[in-house]
């Protein structure tokens, strides 16, 4: 059992190598310098090479960004979205990736792929020559699970914002041992009006560039959007939201594993993980306090919900229901593709986690509101020796 009360049997991922591209390899020079300066350049000696390499790549990104601005700047500014986006929302490791991949099976929908999110400043001009070259260095599996990875797969748009130099909670992964500096950008509630407008402008610019690439209504997936409902509705009043939720006893250890792995692979420090458990517990509460407060702002017919457990038990039925509730058009268009997708994922192996009984009790205490709201049974808290283990599902699907 690890010191955070999570015993893990990890599956998939990749073995880290110095030359493997990082999430931040698409950031501009000045964006990268600002992040390092904000953290007073507290770089671990063994990560100096990584810092220097990304700095050099940042100069190249800035040059390509200038080219894209010259070639596509006016076109991006004039391009309207095909329609307001469809947002897949929910806490990390709740099934947002799975749901995103199911929605983009529909040929009527577009999405930001991994290359666009990792090179948001220049993907329209650099994809044809740079994506194949960098792709040779990319791992074939995601670092946190057994999911395949390539440039054409859907990705979180939050990484695009990071690489555009916009503050994001994700940037704290670069200096995991330092106090988080960008937490206000999780909910966008405590940022200045000037910074909020900058965030909106960057986000819209990216979505317009993605629209040029795909020419379709965009489906987005980014867990931080779960607690940005107010801002997103201000920008996109006709947006649709699909909220997916999952047993907290499965979400917690998987989230711990997520942040540990990303801090290790993507950071400029050797992480000590101190305070990680409290951060996960607190962030979950912040996210769902904001979501439950603001969900009433979403107009009727623009929000649908599904549990991860129901989705993996009967994906076809649940997807048909979501389409119907959100009035997304004929489900039969995507039905055959969905069946093929399900068959292809039949051999997927998930990470397995076991929770210490004391950790289960703390989760039940801190997240009790979520257990009760979404109908998950609380673990036994009165007797430490009788606290049940989290359910071990045999689902062939990723979270």
Protein backbone atom coordinates (compact mmCIF):
# COMPACT_ATOMS: atom_id res chain seq x y z
CA UNK A 1 0.00 0.00 0.00
CA UNK A 2 1.43 3.39 -0.96
CA UNK A 3 1.66 6.26 1.49
CA UNK A 4 -1.44 7.87 -0.01
CA UNK A 5 -3.53 4.78 0.68
CA UNK A 6 -3.77 3.71 -2.94
CA UNK A 7 -2.44 0.36 -4.08
CA UNK A 8 -2.11 0.31 -7.83
CA UNK A 9 -1.48 -2.26 -10.50
CA UNK A 10 -0.68 -0.10 -13.50
CA UNK A 11 -1.31 -1.15 -17.08
CA UNK A 12 0.00 0.39 -20.28
CA UNK A 13 1.59 3.81 -20.51
CA UNK A 14 5.19 4.23 -21.71
CA UNK A 15 8.70 4.27 -20.40
CA UNK A 16 9.92 7.82 -20.17
CA UNK A 17 12.79 8.88 -22.42
CA UNK A 18 14.44 12.33 -22.71
CA UNK A 19 13.48 12.67 -26.37
CA UNK A 20 9.77 11.91 -25.95
CA UNK A 21 7.72 15.03 -26.77
CA UNK A 22 6.07 16.77 -23.83
CA UNK A 23 2.71 18.48 -23.55
CA UNK A 24 4.46 21.84 -23.56
CA UNK A 25 6.47 21.35 -26.73
CA UNK A 26 3.99 23.50 -28.63
CA UNK A 27 4.24 26.55 -26.36
CA UNK A 28 5.72 29.80 -27.65
CA UNK A 29 9.04 31.11 -26.40
CA UNK A 30 7.66 33.92 -24.26
CA UNK A 31 4.85 31.76 -22.92
CA UNK A 32 7.40 29.21 -21.73
CA UNK A 33 9.72 31.84 -20.26
CA UNK A 34 6.80 33.33 -18.31
CA UNK A 35 5.85 30.00 -16.73
CA UNK A 36 9.44 29.38 -15.66
CA UNK A 37 9.81 32.95 -14.36
CA UNK A 38 6.56 32.68 -12.41
CA UNK A 39 8.15 29.76 -10.57
CA UNK A 40 11.57 31.47 -10.25
CA UNK A 41 13.23 28.90 -12.50
CA UNK A 42 13.25 26.26 -9.75
CA UNK A 43 14.30 23.50 -12.13
CA UNK A 44 15.72 20.19 -10.95
CA UNK A 45 19.27 19.62 -12.30
CA UNK A 46 18.22 16.41 -14.06
CA UNK A 47 15.49 18.36 -15.89
CA UNK A 48 17.71 21.18 -17.18
CA UNK A 49 18.05 19.47 -20.54
CA UNK A 50 14.29 19.28 -20.90
CA UNK A 51 13.95 22.98 -19.98
CA UNK A 52 16.58 24.04 -22.52
CA UNK A 53 15.08 21.86 -25.24
CA UNK A 54 11.56 23.25 -24.79
CA UNK A 55 12.99 26.78 -24.75
CA UNK A 56 14.65 26.19 -28.11
CA UNK A 57 11.51 24.57 -29.50
CA UNK A 58 9.58 27.60 -28.20
CA UNK A 59 11.56 29.85 -30.53
CA UNK A 60 10.59 27.61 -33.43
CA UNK A 61 6.95 27.66 -32.30
CA UNK A 62 6.98 31.45 -32.16
CA UNK A 63 8.33 31.59 -35.70
CA UNK A 64 5.67 29.19 -36.99
CA UNK A 65 2.98 31.07 -35.04
CA UNK A 66 3.96 34.24 -36.89
CA UNK A 67 3.64 32.43 -40.21
CA UNK A 68 0.18 31.12 -39.30
CA UNK A 69 -0.89 34.59 -38.23
CA UNK A 70 0.23 36.06 -41.56
CA UNK A 71 -1.34 33.28 -43.64
CA UNK A 72 -4.48 32.55 -41.65
CA UNK A 73 -4.93 35.43 -39.21
CA UNK A 74 -7.73 37.21 -41.06
CA UNK A 75 -9.44 33.98 -42.06
CA UNK A 76 -9.47 32.76 -38.46
CA UNK A 77 -10.93 36.06 -37.28
CA UNK A 78 -13.71 35.92 -39.91
CA UNK A 79 -14.56 32.24 -39.52
CA UNK A 80 -17.82 31.57 -37.63
CA UNK A 81 -18.34 28.36 -35.71
CA UNK A 82 -20.67 25.93 -37.46
CA UNK A 83 -22.72 25.87 -34.24
CA UNK A 84 -22.06 26.30 -30.54
CA UNK A 85 -19.91 23.43 -29.23
CA UNK A 86 -20.94 20.26 -27.46
CA UNK A 87 -19.05 20.05 -24.17
CA UNK A 88 -18.22 16.71 -22.54
CA UNK A 89 -17.83 17.55 -18.86
CA UNK A 90 -17.07 15.65 -15.67
CA UNK A 91 -14.21 15.14 -13.24
CA UNK A 92 -10.94 13.62 -14.43
CA UNK A 93 -11.08 9.83 -14.77
CA UNK A 94 -14.88 9.80 -14.85
CA UNK A 95 -15.15 8.58 -18.43
CA UNK A 96 -14.87 11.84 -20.35
CA UNK A 97 -12.34 10.37 -22.81
CA UNK A 98 -14.54 7.40 -23.55
CA UNK A 99 -17.60 9.58 -24.10
CA UNK A 100 -15.64 11.99 -26.30
CA UNK A 101 -14.44 9.18 -28.52
CA UNK A 102 -17.97 7.85 -28.85
CA UNK A 103 -19.39 11.23 -29.89
CA UNK A 104 -16.78 11.92 -32.52
CA UNK A 105 -17.67 8.69 -34.29
CA UNK A 106 -20.47 10.80 -35.73
CA UNK A 107 -19.28 12.18 -39.11
CA UNK A 108 -21.33 15.33 -38.48
CA UNK A 109 -19.06 16.39 -35.62
CA UNK A 110 -15.52 17.72 -35.55
CA UNK A 111 -13.04 17.90 -32.69
CA UNK A 112 -9.61 19.25 -31.76
CA UNK A 113 -7.13 16.45 -32.30
CA UNK A 114 -3.89 15.94 -30.41
CA UNK A 115 -1.72 17.80 -32.90
CA UNK A 116 -4.01 20.85 -32.87
CA UNK A 117 -3.96 20.92 -29.06
CA UNK A 118 -0.20 20.49 -28.79
CA UNK A 119 0.57 22.96 -31.60
CA UNK A 120 -2.36 25.42 -31.39
CA UNK A 121 -0.29 28.36 -32.53
CA UNK A 122 0.63 26.92 -35.92
CA UNK A 123 -1.12 23.59 -36.63
CA UNK A 124 -2.82 24.95 -39.74
CA UNK A 125 0.53 25.57 -41.43
CA UNK A 126 2.79 22.96 -39.83
CA UNK A 127 0.74 19.78 -39.70
CA UNK A 128 1.76 18.53 -43.16
CA UNK A 129 5.48 18.41 -42.38
CA UNK A 130 5.94 18.60 -38.60
CA UNK A 131 3.31 16.15 -37.35
CA UNK A 132 4.85 13.12 -39.17
CA UNK A 133 8.34 14.00 -37.95
CA UNK A 134 7.41 14.48 -34.29
CA UNK A 135 5.11 11.49 -34.51
CA UNK A 136 8.14 9.25 -34.91
CA UNK A 137 9.15 10.14 -31.34
CA UNK A 138 5.69 9.82 -29.79
CA UNK A 139 4.80 6.85 -27.57
CA UNK A 140 2.11 4.59 -28.93
CA UNK A 141 0.20 4.54 -25.61
CA UNK A 142 -0.97 7.29 -23.30
CA UNK A 143 1.23 7.56 -20.17
CA UNK A 144 -1.68 7.06 -17.75
CA UNK A 145 -3.40 4.00 -19.20
CA UNK A 146 -3.49 1.50 -22.02
CA UNK A 147 -5.17 3.78 -24.56
CA UNK A 148 -3.56 4.15 -28.01
CA UNK A 149 -2.16 7.56 -28.87
CA UNK A 150 -1.58 9.33 -32.16
CA UNK A 151 -1.93 12.86 -33.53
CA UNK A 152 -5.38 12.25 -34.99
CA UNK A 153 -7.07 11.23 -31.76
CA UNK A 154 -9.19 13.73 -29.82
CA UNK A 155 -7.50 15.74 -27.11
CA UNK A 156 -8.35 18.13 -24.29
CA UNK A 157 -8.58 21.70 -25.49
CA UNK A 158 -7.12 22.80 -22.14
CA UNK A 159 -3.70 21.78 -23.44
CA UNK A 160 -4.20 24.10 -26.40
CA UNK A 161 -4.77 27.01 -24.03
CA UNK A 162 -1.61 26.10 -22.12
CA UNK A 163 0.43 26.14 -25.31
CA UNK A 164 -1.12 29.44 -26.34
CA UNK A 165 0.35 30.96 -23.18
CA UNK A 166 -2.97 31.21 -21.37
CA UNK A 167 -2.82 30.42 -17.64
CA UNK A 168 -4.31 27.05 -16.73
CA UNK A 169 -4.24 24.79 -13.67
CA UNK A 170 -2.48 22.24 -15.88
CA UNK A 171 0.62 24.43 -15.98
CA UNK A 172 1.21 23.56 -12.31
CA UNK A 173 2.32 20.13 -13.55
CA UNK A 174 5.51 21.77 -14.80
CA UNK A 175 6.54 22.70 -11.23
CA UNK A 176 4.71 20.09 -9.16
CA UNK A 177 6.57 20.87 -5.91
CA UNK A 178 5.63 24.55 -5.92
CA UNK A 179 2.36 26.06 -4.65
CA UNK A 180 -0.19 26.15 -7.50
CA UNK A 181 -0.20 29.55 -9.18
CA UNK A 182 -3.04 29.24 -11.66
CA UNK A 183 -5.88 27.73 -9.63
CA UNK A 184 -8.14 30.72 -10.27
CA UNK A 185 -8.36 29.57 -13.89
CA UNK A 186 -10.10 26.35 -12.87
CA UNK A 187 -13.43 28.11 -12.33
CA UNK A 188 -12.52 31.51 -13.86
CA UNK A 189 -14.39 33.12 -10.96
CA UNK A 190 -11.54 35.06 -9.39
CA UNK A 191 -9.64 36.27 -12.44
CA UNK A 192 -9.70 39.91 -13.50
CA UNK A 193 -12.03 41.02 -16.27
CA UNK A 194 -9.01 41.71 -18.45
CA UNK A 195 -7.63 38.21 -17.96
CA UNK A 196 -11.07 36.69 -18.48
CA UNK A 197 -11.44 38.47 -21.80
CA UNK A 198 -7.99 37.27 -22.80
CA UNK A 199 -9.01 33.70 -21.94
CA UNK A 200 -12.21 33.99 -23.97
CA UNK A 201 -10.40 35.46 -26.96
CA UNK A 202 -7.75 32.72 -26.99
CA UNK A 203 -10.35 29.98 -26.60
CA UNK A 204 -12.52 31.32 -29.41
CA UNK A 205 -9.50 31.82 -31.68
CA UNK A 206 -8.52 28.19 -31.19
CA UNK A 207 -12.05 26.95 -31.90
CA UNK A 208 -12.21 29.01 -35.08
CA UNK A 209 -8.91 27.51 -36.24
CA UNK A 210 -10.25 24.02 -35.52
CA UNK A 211 -13.37 24.92 -37.50
CA UNK A 212 -11.21 25.83 -40.49
CA UNK A 213 -9.62 22.39 -40.21
CA UNK A 214 -12.80 20.32 -39.80
CA UNK A 215 -15.71 22.51 -40.95
CA UNK A 216 -18.12 20.87 -38.49
CA UNK A 217 -19.77 21.43 -35.15
CA UNK A 218 -17.08 20.84 -32.52
CA UNK A 219 -17.26 18.37 -29.65
CA UNK A 220 -14.93 19.33 -26.80
CA UNK A 221 -13.73 17.45 -23.75
CA UNK A 222 -11.94 19.13 -20.86
CA UNK A 223 -12.72 18.44 -17.19
CA UNK A 224 -12.10 22.07 -16.10
CA UNK A 225 -15.08 23.12 -18.23
CA UNK A 226 -17.25 21.35 -15.65
CA UNK A 227 -16.90 24.36 -13.37
CA UNK A 228 -16.96 27.06 -16.10
CA UNK A 229 -20.63 26.76 -17.05
CA UNK A 230 -21.41 30.45 -16.56
CA UNK A 231 -18.55 31.66 -18.77
CA UNK A 232 -19.19 29.03 -21.44
CA UNK A 233 -22.87 29.97 -21.67
CA UNK A 234 -21.94 33.64 -22.00
CA UNK A 235 -19.80 32.71 -24.98
CA UNK A 236 -21.99 29.95 -26.43
CA UNK A 237 -25.64 30.29 -25.35
CA UNK A 238 -26.72 27.34 -27.55
CA UNK A 239 -23.99 25.00 -26.30
CA UNK A 240 -24.89 21.45 -25.33
CA UNK A 241 -23.43 19.80 -22.24
CA UNK A 242 -23.01 16.10 -21.55
CA UNK A 243 -22.08 15.39 -17.94
CA UNK A 244 -20.58 12.02 -17.09
CA UNK A 245 -20.01 10.92 -13.50
CA UNK A 246 -18.53 7.88 -11.81
CA UNK A 247 -18.21 6.11 -8.45
CA UNK A 248 -15.97 8.37 -6.31
CA UNK A 249 -14.15 5.33 -4.95
CA UNK A 250 -12.93 4.67 -8.49
CA UNK A 251 -12.36 8.33 -9.39
CA UNK A 252 -10.10 9.16 -6.45
CA UNK A 253 -7.30 6.59 -6.89
CA UNK A 254 -7.33 6.98 -10.66
CA UNK A 255 -6.97 10.76 -10.29
CA UNK A 256 -4.09 10.33 -7.85
CA UNK A 257 -2.40 8.08 -10.39
CA UNK A 258 -3.07 10.60 -13.17
CA UNK A 259 -1.43 13.55 -11.42
CA UNK A 260 1.48 11.48 -10.15
CA UNK A 261 2.27 10.16 -13.60
CA UNK A 262 1.91 13.50 -15.37
CA UNK A 263 3.96 15.34 -12.74
CA UNK A 264 6.70 12.78 -13.16
CA UNK A 265 6.69 12.80 -16.96
CA UNK A 266 5.92 16.43 -17.74
CA UNK A 267 7.51 18.40 -14.90
CA UNK A 268 10.76 20.30 -14.51
CA UNK A 269 11.07 19.03 -10.95
CA UNK A 270 11.27 15.57 -9.42
CA UNK A 271 7.88 15.45 -7.72
CA UNK A 272 7.56 14.59 -4.03
CA UNK A 273 3.74 14.45 -4.20
CA UNK A 274 3.32 16.18 -0.84
CA UNK A 275 -0.22 17.48 -0.46
CA UNK A 276 -1.48 15.64 -3.54
CA UNK A 277 -4.25 13.81 -1.68
CA UNK A 278 -5.61 17.02 -0.18
CA UNK A 279 -5.41 18.76 -3.53
CA UNK A 280 -7.46 16.03 -5.22
CA UNK A 281 -10.07 16.08 -2.45
CA UNK A 282 -10.34 19.88 -2.47
CA UNK A 283 -10.40 20.29 -6.25
CA UNK A 284 -13.24 17.77 -6.57
CA UNK A 285 -15.30 19.83 -4.10
CA UNK A 286 -14.52 23.10 -5.88
CA UNK A 287 -15.47 21.62 -9.22
CA UNK A 288 -18.81 20.21 -8.14
CA UNK A 289 -19.79 23.11 -5.94
CA UNK A 290 -19.46 25.35 -9.01
CA UNK A 291 -21.20 22.87 -11.30
CA UNK A 292 -24.17 22.20 -9.03
CA UNK A 293 -24.58 25.94 -8.43
CA UNK A 294 -24.51 26.90 -12.11
CA UNK A 295 -26.19 23.94 -13.81
CA UNK A 296 -29.57 25.64 -13.38
CA UNK A 297 -28.35 28.27 -15.86
CA UNK A 298 -28.27 25.70 -18.66
CA UNK A 299 -31.49 25.98 -20.71
CA UNK A 300 -33.79 22.95 -20.99
CA UNK A 301 -32.69 20.49 -23.63
CA UNK A 302 -29.02 21.52 -23.44
CA UNK A 303 -27.82 19.25 -20.62
CA UNK A 304 -27.85 15.47 -20.46
CA UNK A 305 -26.16 13.19 -17.93
CA UNK A 306 -24.92 9.63 -17.83
CA UNK A 307 -23.01 7.54 -15.32
CA UNK A 308 -19.83 5.81 -16.39
CA UNK A 309 -21.21 2.55 -15.08
CA UNK A 310 -24.36 2.81 -17.20
CA UNK A 311 -22.39 3.83 -20.28
CA UNK A 312 -20.05 0.84 -20.18
CA UNK A 313 -22.89 -1.55 -19.36
CA UNK A 314 -25.01 -0.53 -22.35
CA UNK A 315 -23.20 2.06 -24.51
CA UNK A 316 -25.56 1.89 -27.46
CA UNK A 317 -28.69 2.47 -25.41
CA UNK A 318 -27.13 5.28 -23.38
CA UNK A 319 -25.74 7.07 -26.43
CA UNK A 320 -29.13 6.87 -28.15
CA UNK A 321 -30.71 8.43 -25.07
CA UNK A 322 -28.16 11.25 -24.99
CA UNK A 323 -28.76 12.01 -28.66
CA UNK A 324 -32.50 12.10 -28.05
CA UNK A 325 -32.34 14.30 -24.95
CA UNK A 326 -30.01 16.80 -26.63
CA UNK A 327 -31.78 16.69 -30.01
CA UNK A 328 -28.56 15.93 -31.87
CA UNK A 329 -30.17 14.39 -34.92
CA UNK A 330 -30.52 10.83 -36.14
CA UNK A 331 -28.61 8.35 -33.99
CA UNK A 332 -28.72 5.72 -36.73
CA UNK A 333 -25.95 7.60 -38.56
CA UNK A 334 -23.45 6.68 -35.87
CA UNK A 335 -24.94 3.39 -34.66
CA UNK A 336 -22.88 1.02 -36.80
CA UNK A 337 -19.66 2.89 -36.04
CA UNK A 338 -20.43 2.72 -32.34
CA UNK A 339 -20.85 -1.04 -32.53
CA UNK A 340 -17.48 -1.35 -34.26
CA UNK A 341 -15.90 0.89 -31.61
CA UNK A 342 -17.29 -1.27 -28.82
CA UNK A 343 -15.95 -4.42 -30.45
CA UNK A 344 -12.49 -2.90 -30.92
CA UNK A 345 -12.27 -1.99 -27.23
CA UNK A 346 -13.25 -5.44 -25.99
CA UNK A 347 -9.69 -6.33 -24.94
CA UNK A 348 -8.87 -3.05 -23.20
CA UNK A 349 -7.14 -3.52 -19.81
CA UNK A 350 -7.72 -0.94 -17.11
CA UNK A 351 -5.47 0.10 -14.26
CA UNK A 352 -6.61 -1.50 -11.02
CA UNK A 353 -6.57 0.24 -7.66
CA UNK A 354 -7.36 -0.68 -4.09
CA UNK A 355 -8.08 1.89 -1.40
CA UNK A 356 -7.02 1.78 2.22
CA UNK A 357 -10.14 1.74 4.47
CA UNK A 358 -9.06 4.98 6.13
CA UNK A 359 -8.88 6.68 2.73
CA UNK A 360 -12.34 5.37 1.87
CA UNK A 361 -13.71 6.92 5.03
CA UNK A 362 -12.10 10.27 4.24
CA UNK A 363 -13.50 10.24 0.71
CA UNK A 364 -16.94 9.43 2.09
CA UNK A 365 -16.68 12.30 4.57
CA UNK A 366 -15.41 14.94 2.14
CA UNK A 367 -17.45 13.91 -0.90
CA UNK A 368 -20.62 12.77 0.86
CA UNK A 369 -22.69 15.29 -1.13
CA UNK A 370 -21.65 13.58 -4.36
CA UNK A 371 -22.41 10.06 -3.16
CA UNK A 372 -25.89 11.19 -2.15
CA UNK A 373 -26.56 13.37 -5.21
CA UNK A 374 -25.65 10.69 -7.76
CA UNK A 375 -26.82 7.61 -5.87
CA UNK A 376 -23.55 5.89 -5.02
CA UNK A 377 -23.52 3.87 -1.79
CA UNK A 378 -21.37 5.30 0.95
CA UNK A 379 -18.62 3.00 2.19
CA UNK A 380 -19.02 1.88 5.80
CA UNK A 381 -17.38 4.50 7.98
CA UNK A 382 -18.13 3.39 11.53
CA UNK A 383 -15.95 0.25 11.53
CA UNK A 384 -12.48 0.51 9.97
CA UNK A 385 -12.24 -3.27 9.68
CA UNK A 386 -15.43 -3.61 7.68
CA UNK A 387 -15.01 -0.87 5.08
CA UNK A 388 -15.61 -2.46 1.67
CA UNK A 389 -13.19 -2.33 -1.20
CA UNK A 390 -14.19 -0.29 -4.25
CA UNK A 391 -15.97 -2.25 -6.93
CA UNK A 392 -13.66 -3.88 -9.46
CA UNK A 393 -15.60 -3.73 -12.72
CA UNK A 394 -14.66 -5.77 -15.74
CA UNK A 395 -15.34 -2.89 -18.12
CA UNK A 396 -13.30 -2.99 -21.34
CA UNK A 397 -13.42 0.79 -21.62
CA UNK A 398 -11.06 3.59 -20.56
CA UNK A 399 -12.07 6.42 -18.28
